[in-house]
Amino acid sequence: MQQLIKTNLGRLRILAFLEGITLLILVFITVPMKYIWGIPEGSQIIGPIHGVVFVLFVINAISVGIEYKWSWFPRITIILLSSFVPFGSFYIDHKILKPAQVR
């Protein structure tokens, strides 16, 4: 874990994981709680947390893309778009971020 924290790419991988988890919680737990059962408290708590993690993910993804001289299209664009799809950030971590860290 400490190896991940030391580099920008490692921090991006951590943020991708956190962004993915908070998105899944939001989409599959708190939104149904709000609209099916009328319990909005979950969305009121997880929504802002996900928002902060999402913004940090976007900023860090752009920073890492510039540092590693990745092309805006397709690599950085695909990384950014993955954050809108449930399970997308996990896929991107597996296919792009983890192999880039090994180099």
C-alpha atoms as a PDB file:
ATOM      1  CA  MET A   1       0.000   0.000   0.000  1.00  0.00           C
ATOM      2  CA  GLN A   2       2.824   2.408   0.777  1.00  0.00           C
ATOM      3  CA  GLN A   3       4.237   1.825  -2.717  1.00  0.00           C
ATOM      4  CA  LEU A   4       0.949   3.065  -4.181  1.00  0.00           C
ATOM      5  CA  ILE A   5       0.919   6.236  -2.090  1.00  0.00           C
ATOM      6  CA  LYS A   6       4.441   7.237  -3.141  1.00  0.00           C
ATOM      7  CA  THR A   7       3.669   7.823  -6.852  1.00  0.00           C
ATOM      8  CA  ASN A   8       1.035   9.795  -8.752  1.00  0.00           C
ATOM      9  CA  LEU A   9       0.066   6.665 -10.670  1.00  0.00           C
ATOM     10  CA  GLY A  10      -0.335   4.740  -7.423  1.00  0.00           C
ATOM     11  CA  ARG A  11      -2.528   7.474  -5.988  1.00  0.00           C
ATOM     12  CA  LEU A  12      -4.592   7.399  -9.182  1.00  0.00           C
ATOM     13  CA  ARG A  13      -5.086   3.657  -8.736  1.00  0.00           C
ATOM     14  CA  ILE A  14      -6.285   4.227  -5.162  1.00  0.00           C
ATOM     15  CA  LEU A  15      -8.636   6.996  -6.312  1.00  0.00           C
ATOM     16  CA  ALA A  16      -9.934   4.752  -9.124  1.00  0.00           C
ATOM     17  CA  PHE A  17     -10.775   2.095  -6.548  1.00  0.00           C
ATOM     18  CA  LEU A  18     -12.463   4.589  -4.209  1.00  0.00           C
ATOM     19  CA  GLU A  19     -14.342   6.204  -7.101  1.00  0.00           C
ATOM     20  CA  GLY A  20     -15.551   2.799  -8.263  1.00  0.00           C
ATOM     21  CA  ILE A  21     -16.688   1.746  -4.786  1.00  0.00           C
ATOM     22  CA  THR A  22     -18.522   5.002  -4.073  1.00  0.00           C
ATOM     23  CA  LEU A  23     -20.203   4.898  -7.502  1.00  0.00           C
ATOM     24  CA  LEU A  24     -21.393   1.335  -6.909  1.00  0.00           C
ATOM     25  CA  ILE A  25     -22.716   2.212  -3.456  1.00  0.00           C
ATOM     26  CA  LEU A  26     -24.463   5.261  -4.880  1.00  0.00           C
ATOM     27  CA  VAL A  27     -26.028   3.529  -7.902  1.00  0.00           C
ATOM     28  CA  PHE A  28     -26.947   0.172  -6.401  1.00  0.00           C
ATOM     29  CA  ILE A  29     -27.694   0.992  -2.753  1.00  0.00           C
ATOM     30  CA  THR A  30     -28.406   4.617  -1.910  1.00  0.00           C
ATOM     31  CA  VAL A  31     -30.335   5.638  -5.047  1.00  0.00           C
ATOM     32  CA  PRO A  32     -32.739   2.682  -4.750  1.00  0.00           C
ATOM     33  CA  MET A  33     -33.091   3.460  -1.029  1.00  0.00           C
ATOM     34  CA  LYS A  34     -34.043   7.020  -1.916  1.00  0.00           C
ATOM     35  CA  TYR A  35     -36.440   6.379  -4.779  1.00  0.00           C
ATOM     36  CA  ILE A  36     -37.950   3.011  -3.838  1.00  0.00           C
ATOM     37  CA  TRP A  37     -38.158   3.231  -0.062  1.00  0.00           C
ATOM     38  CA  GLY A  38     -38.050   7.000   0.434  1.00  0.00           C
ATOM     39  CA  ILE A  39     -34.878   7.004   2.540  1.00  0.00           C
ATOM     40  CA  PRO A  40     -32.712   9.896   1.226  1.00  0.00           C
ATOM     41  CA  GLU A  41     -30.071   9.883   3.988  1.00  0.00           C
ATOM     42  CA  GLY A  42     -27.758   7.436   2.194  1.00  0.00           C
ATOM     43  CA  SER A  43     -27.593   9.599  -0.931  1.00  0.00           C
ATOM     44  CA  GLN A  44     -27.086  12.702   1.181  1.00  0.00           C
ATOM     45  CA  ILE A  45     -24.011  11.120   2.768  1.00  0.00           C
ATOM     46  CA  ILE A  46     -22.487   9.112  -0.095  1.00  0.00           C
ATOM     47  CA  GLY A  47     -23.286  11.661  -2.828  1.00  0.00           C
ATOM     48  CA  PRO A  48     -20.892  14.380  -1.616  1.00  0.00           C
ATOM     49  CA  ILE A  49     -18.206  11.810  -0.752  1.00  0.00           C
ATOM     50  CA  HIS A  50     -18.428  10.393  -4.271  1.00  0.00           C
ATOM     51  CA  GLY A  51     -18.339  13.920  -5.701  1.00  0.00           C
ATOM     52  CA  VAL A  52     -15.088  14.770  -3.920  1.00  0.00           C
ATOM     53  CA  VAL A  53     -13.476  11.449  -4.885  1.00  0.00           C
ATOM     54  CA  PHE A  54     -14.629  11.923  -8.500  1.00  0.00           C
ATOM     55  CA  VAL A  55     -13.086  15.401  -8.740  1.00  0.00           C
ATOM     56  CA  LEU A  56      -9.819  14.148  -7.204  1.00  0.00           C
ATOM     57  CA  PHE A  57      -9.833  11.235  -9.667  1.00  0.00           C
ATOM     58  CA  VAL A  58     -10.283  13.543 -12.670  1.00  0.00           C
ATOM     59  CA  ILE A  59      -7.557  15.953 -11.537  1.00  0.00           C
ATOM     60  CA  ASN A  60      -5.149  13.127 -10.770  1.00  0.00           C
ATOM     61  CA  ALA A  61      -5.917  11.307 -14.056  1.00  0.00           C
ATOM     62  CA  ILE A  62      -5.069  14.429 -16.044  1.00  0.00           C
ATOM     63  CA  SER A  63      -1.936  14.974 -13.949  1.00  0.00           C
ATOM     64  CA  VAL A  64      -0.749  11.391 -14.473  1.00  0.00           C
ATOM     65  CA  GLY A  65      -1.572  11.592 -18.175  1.00  0.00           C
ATOM     66  CA  ILE A  66       0.603  14.681 -18.529  1.00  0.00           C
ATOM     67  CA  GLU A  67       3.395  13.183 -16.421  1.00  0.00           C
ATOM     68  CA  TYR A  68       3.453   9.934 -18.445  1.00  0.00           C
ATOM     69  CA  LYS A  69       2.913  11.812 -21.742  1.00  0.00           C
ATOM     70  CA  TRP A  70      -0.203   9.777 -22.539  1.00  0.00           C
ATOM     71  CA  SER A  71      -2.269  10.871 -25.519  1.00  0.00           C
ATOM     72  CA  TRP A  72      -5.533  12.654 -24.772  1.00  0.00           C
ATOM     73  CA  PHE A  73      -7.337  10.301 -27.075  1.00  0.00           C
ATOM     74  CA  PRO A  74      -7.789   7.482 -26.484  1.00  0.00           C
ATOM     75  CA  ARG A  75      -5.960   6.822 -23.206  1.00  0.00           C
ATOM     76  CA  ILE A  76      -6.815   9.813 -20.962  1.00  0.00           C
ATOM     77  CA  THR A  77     -10.316  10.108 -22.443  1.00  0.00           C
ATOM     78  CA  ILE A  78     -11.040   6.428 -21.790  1.00  0.00           C
ATOM     79  CA  ILE A  79      -9.725   6.701 -18.221  1.00  0.00           C
ATOM     80  CA  LEU A  80     -11.975   9.701 -17.570  1.00  0.00           C
ATOM     81  CA  LEU A  81     -15.035   8.113 -19.212  1.00  0.00           C
ATOM     82  CA  SER A  82     -14.554   4.942 -17.167  1.00  0.00           C
ATOM     83  CA  SER A  83     -15.532   6.859 -14.053  1.00  0.00           C
ATOM     84  CA  PHE A  84     -19.095   7.227 -15.378  1.00  0.00           C
ATOM     85  CA  VAL A  85     -19.662   3.482 -15.816  1.00  0.00           C
ATOM     86  CA  PRO A  86     -20.204   1.152 -12.862  1.00  0.00           C
ATOM     87  CA  PHE A  87     -17.185  -1.185 -12.641  1.00  0.00           C
ATOM     88  CA  GLY A  88     -15.405   0.967 -15.272  1.00  0.00           C
ATOM     89  CA  SER A  89     -12.687   2.237 -12.977  1.00  0.00           C
ATOM     90  CA  PHE A  90     -11.864  -1.339 -11.904  1.00  0.00           C
ATOM     91  CA  TYR A  91     -11.487  -2.369 -15.542  1.00  0.00           C
ATOM     92  CA  ILE A  92      -9.268   0.630 -16.316  1.00  0.00           C
ATOM     93  CA  ASP A  93      -7.122  -0.105 -13.282  1.00  0.00           C
ATOM     94  CA  HIS A  94      -6.637  -3.680 -14.477  1.00  0.00           C
ATOM     95  CA  LYS A  95      -6.039  -2.896 -18.171  1.00  0.00           C
ATOM     96  CA  ILE A  96      -4.185   0.450 -18.131  1.00  0.00           C
ATOM     97  CA  LEU A  97      -3.076   1.664 -14.698  1.00  0.00           C
ATOM     98  CA  LYS A  98      -1.631  -1.512 -13.184  1.00  0.00           C
ATOM     99  CA  PRO A  99       0.453  -2.417 -16.284  1.00  0.00           C
ATOM    100  CA  ALA A 100       1.721   1.186 -16.475  1.00  0.00           C
ATOM    101  CA  GLN A 101       2.907   1.009 -12.879  1.00  0.00           C
ATOM    102  CA  VAL A 102       4.927  -2.160 -13.502  1.00  0.00           C
ATOM    103  CA  ARG A 103       7.085  -0.388 -16.119  1.00  0.00           C
END
